[in-house]
C-alpha atoms as a PDB file:
ATOM      1  CA  UNK A   1     -14.623 -11.054  57.003  1.00  0.00           C
ATOM      2  CA  UNK A   2     -14.071 -13.314  59.537  1.00  0.00           C
ATOM      3  CA  UNK A   3     -14.305 -10.325  62.250  1.00  0.00           C
ATOM      4  CA  UNK A   4     -18.246 -10.346  62.528  1.00  0.00           C
ATOM      5  CA  UNK A   5     -18.467  -9.288  66.241  1.00  0.00           C
ATOM      6  CA  UNK A   6     -16.529  -5.759  65.315  1.00  0.00           C
ATOM      7  CA  UNK A   7     -18.848  -5.339  62.678  1.00  0.00           C
ATOM      8  CA  UNK A   8     -21.914  -5.890  64.120  1.00  0.00           C
ATOM      9  CA  UNK A   9     -20.872  -3.324  66.963  1.00  0.00           C
ATOM     10  CA  UNK A  10     -19.340  -1.089  64.161  1.00  0.00           C
ATOM     11  CA  UNK A  11     -22.902  -1.240  62.735  1.00  0.00           C
ATOM     12  CA  UNK A  12     -24.566  -0.626  65.886  1.00  0.00           C
ATOM     13  CA  UNK A  13     -22.764   2.043  66.197  1.00  0.00           C
ATOM     14  CA  UNK A  14     -23.198   3.904  63.267  1.00  0.00           C
ATOM     15  CA  UNK A  15     -27.039   3.111  62.817  1.00  0.00           C
ATOM     16  CA  UNK A  16     -26.934   5.252  66.381  1.00  0.00           C
ATOM     17  CA  UNK A  17     -25.313   7.871  65.080  1.00  0.00           C
ATOM     18  CA  UNK A  18     -27.403   7.870  61.747  1.00  0.00           C
ATOM     19  CA  UNK A  19     -30.337   7.882  63.539  1.00  0.00           C
ATOM     20  CA  UNK A  20     -29.446  10.776  65.861  1.00  0.00           C
ATOM     21  CA  UNK A  21     -28.280  12.428  62.793  1.00  0.00           C
ATOM     22  CA  UNK A  22     -31.581  11.744  60.664  1.00  0.00           C
ATOM     23  CA  UNK A  23     -33.326  13.253  64.095  1.00  0.00           C
ATOM     24  CA  UNK A  24     -31.577  16.371  64.208  1.00  0.00           C
ATOM     25  CA  UNK A  25     -31.758  16.640  60.100  1.00  0.00           C
ATOM     26  CA  UNK A  26     -35.502  16.059  60.284  1.00  0.00           C
ATOM     27  CA  UNK A  27     -36.076  18.928  63.645  1.00  0.00           C
ATOM     28  CA  UNK A  28     -33.822  21.433  61.345  1.00  0.00           C
ATOM     29  CA  UNK A  29     -35.710  20.578  58.137  1.00  0.00           C
ATOM     30  CA  UNK A  30     -39.041  20.976  59.593  1.00  0.00           C
ATOM     31  CA  UNK A  31     -37.723  24.586  61.160  1.00  0.00           C
ATOM     32  CA  UNK A  32     -36.744  25.754  58.090  1.00  0.00           C
ATOM     33  CA  UNK A  33     -39.925  25.105  56.585  1.00  0.00           C
ATOM     34  CA  UNK A  34     -41.904  26.479  58.955  1.00  0.00           C
ATOM     35  CA  UNK A  35     -39.868  29.690  58.862  1.00  0.00           C
ATOM     36  CA  UNK A  36     -39.835  29.381  54.901  1.00  0.00           C
ATOM     37  CA  UNK A  37     -43.682  28.951  54.925  1.00  0.00           C
ATOM     38  CA  UNK A  38     -43.979  31.871  56.898  1.00  0.00           C
ATOM     39  CA  UNK A  39     -41.933  34.067  55.190  1.00  0.00           C
ATOM     40  CA  UNK A  40     -43.458  32.864  51.570  1.00  0.00           C
ATOM     41  CA  UNK A  41     -47.027  33.980  53.221  1.00  0.00           C
ATOM     42  CA  UNK A  42     -45.576  37.288  55.024  1.00  0.00           C
ATOM     43  CA  UNK A  43     -44.431  38.313  51.524  1.00  0.00           C
ATOM     44  CA  UNK A  44     -47.723  37.492  49.698  1.00  0.00           C
ATOM     45  CA  UNK A  45     -50.119  39.154  51.741  1.00  0.00           C
END
């Protein structure tokens, strides 16, 4: 627990990777959401 500098660097890296992963997940989620809504509207017509 005395290795705080390494923990800060490690947490910094994981937070950057996490944010990039969240951004990709949000983009994919929005894309699939729009595609699913378009298919649902097309099926209802």
